[in-house]
């Protein structure tokens, strides 16, 4: 299933110029869902489902970005700080680790727990 977002501002006239924005004609977004080659106008429920699916991907994307940044920093010859086994360690590009200081262990949290911050 693919979701496409269209609006009037992205459409161009045949001469290649953007259409004028008329205040009487408001531009509104429309979500169209493609299933089995058919375009179906999206409802609020399908928009929420799409947002939910995209949001589910965020932790995996963040993890991939962090590991990529870690590898790039080491490849460029820089040093990286990591927290490991209750210690703050400095990792060099040759793989050696040096303890900087002892830190408090991380707090174990339950999945889905709501925390209120004052």
Protein backbone atom coordinates (compact mmCIF):
# COMPACT_ATOMS: atom_id res chain seq x y z
CA UNK A 1 0.00 0.00 0.00
CA UNK A 2 1.40 3.41 -0.95
CA UNK A 3 0.22 6.77 0.30
CA UNK A 4 0.57 9.86 -1.84
CA UNK A 5 0.06 13.42 -0.67
CA UNK A 6 -1.01 15.95 -3.26
CA UNK A 7 -1.92 19.59 -3.06
CA UNK A 8 -2.60 22.36 -5.53
CA UNK A 9 0.69 24.16 -4.86
CA UNK A 10 2.71 21.26 -6.26
CA UNK A 11 0.84 21.29 -9.55
CA UNK A 12 2.32 23.39 -12.33
CA UNK A 13 0.82 24.88 -15.42
CA UNK A 14 1.93 23.63 -18.79
CA UNK A 15 4.31 26.59 -19.22
CA UNK A 16 6.23 25.47 -16.12
CA UNK A 17 5.20 28.34 -13.84
CA UNK A 18 3.59 27.85 -10.46
CA UNK A 19 -0.11 28.81 -10.35
CA UNK A 20 -0.98 32.03 -8.53
CA UNK A 21 -2.23 31.62 -5.01
CA UNK A 22 -5.75 32.99 -5.02
CA UNK A 23 -7.05 33.83 -1.53
CA UNK A 24 -10.52 32.72 -2.54
CA UNK A 25 -9.13 29.36 -3.63
CA UNK A 26 -7.52 27.72 -0.61
CA UNK A 27 -5.05 24.91 -1.08
CA UNK A 28 -5.93 21.77 0.81
CA UNK A 29 -4.07 18.51 1.13
CA UNK A 30 -5.68 15.30 0.03
CA UNK A 31 -4.41 11.86 0.96
CA UNK A 32 -4.82 9.15 -1.61
CA UNK A 33 -4.15 5.49 -0.87
CA UNK A 34 -3.23 3.08 -3.64
CA UNK A 35 -4.39 -0.53 -3.18
CA UNK A 36 -4.10 -3.08 -5.95
CA UNK A 37 -3.56 -0.28 -8.46
CA UNK A 38 -6.69 1.63 -7.42
CA UNK A 39 -6.64 5.07 -5.85
CA UNK A 40 -8.86 5.42 -2.80
CA UNK A 41 -9.42 8.74 -1.08
CA UNK A 42 -8.02 8.49 2.43
CA UNK A 43 -10.18 8.78 5.49
CA UNK A 44 -9.09 9.99 8.91
CA UNK A 45 -8.62 6.37 9.96
CA UNK A 46 -6.25 5.59 7.09
CA UNK A 47 -4.23 8.75 7.84
CA UNK A 48 -3.86 7.69 11.48
CA UNK A 49 -2.84 4.20 10.43
CA UNK A 50 -0.21 5.64 8.08
CA UNK A 51 1.15 7.93 10.80
CA UNK A 52 1.28 4.99 13.21
CA UNK A 53 3.22 2.86 10.72
CA UNK A 54 5.71 5.66 10.07
CA UNK A 55 6.15 6.32 13.81
CA UNK A 56 6.87 2.62 14.41
CA UNK A 57 9.93 2.96 12.16
CA UNK A 58 11.50 5.82 14.17
CA UNK A 59 13.38 3.71 16.78
CA UNK A 60 14.98 1.54 14.10
CA UNK A 61 15.97 4.57 12.04
CA UNK A 62 17.46 6.26 15.12
CA UNK A 63 19.46 3.14 15.99
CA UNK A 64 20.81 2.89 12.43
CA UNK A 65 21.75 6.59 12.43
CA UNK A 66 23.57 6.27 15.76
CA UNK A 67 25.60 3.24 14.68
CA UNK A 68 26.42 4.94 11.37
CA UNK A 69 27.59 8.11 13.18
CA UNK A 70 29.68 5.96 15.57
CA UNK A 71 31.40 4.15 12.69
CA UNK A 72 31.97 7.38 10.73
CA UNK A 73 33.51 9.13 13.73
CA UNK A 74 35.93 6.25 14.34
CA UNK A 75 36.75 6.01 10.62
CA UNK A 76 37.67 9.71 10.56
CA UNK A 77 40.16 9.18 13.41
CA UNK A 78 38.03 10.84 16.09
CA UNK A 79 37.36 9.43 19.53
CA UNK A 80 33.89 8.48 20.75
CA UNK A 81 32.48 8.44 24.29
CA UNK A 82 30.28 5.50 25.27
CA UNK A 83 28.57 4.37 28.46
CA UNK A 84 29.35 0.73 29.20
CA UNK A 85 29.07 -1.34 32.39
CA UNK A 86 28.62 1.70 34.66
CA UNK A 87 31.62 3.50 33.18
CA UNK A 88 32.11 6.34 30.72
CA UNK A 89 34.69 5.13 28.19
CA UNK A 90 36.60 6.78 25.36
CA UNK A 91 36.92 4.59 22.25
CA UNK A 92 39.74 5.29 19.80
CA UNK A 93 39.77 4.47 16.11
CA UNK A 94 42.17 1.57 16.75
CA UNK A 95 39.53 -0.04 19.03
CA UNK A 96 41.21 0.67 22.36
CA UNK A 97 39.02 1.82 25.25
CA UNK A 98 40.01 4.11 28.11
CA UNK A 99 37.89 4.62 31.24
CA UNK A 100 37.08 8.30 31.80
CA UNK A 101 34.98 7.98 34.97
CA UNK A 102 32.50 5.81 36.80
CA UNK A 103 28.83 6.71 36.23
CA UNK A 104 25.56 5.66 37.80
CA UNK A 105 23.93 2.64 36.17
CA UNK A 106 21.04 3.30 33.82
CA UNK A 107 17.51 3.04 35.19
CA UNK A 108 15.45 0.08 34.02
CA UNK A 109 12.06 1.21 32.67
CA UNK A 110 8.95 -0.70 31.77
CA UNK A 111 7.76 -0.37 28.19
CA UNK A 112 4.79 2.01 27.94
CA UNK A 113 5.36 3.60 31.37
CA UNK A 114 4.21 7.22 31.53
CA UNK A 115 6.44 9.59 33.51
CA UNK A 116 5.34 13.09 34.50
CA UNK A 117 8.14 15.67 34.71
CA UNK A 118 7.56 18.68 36.93
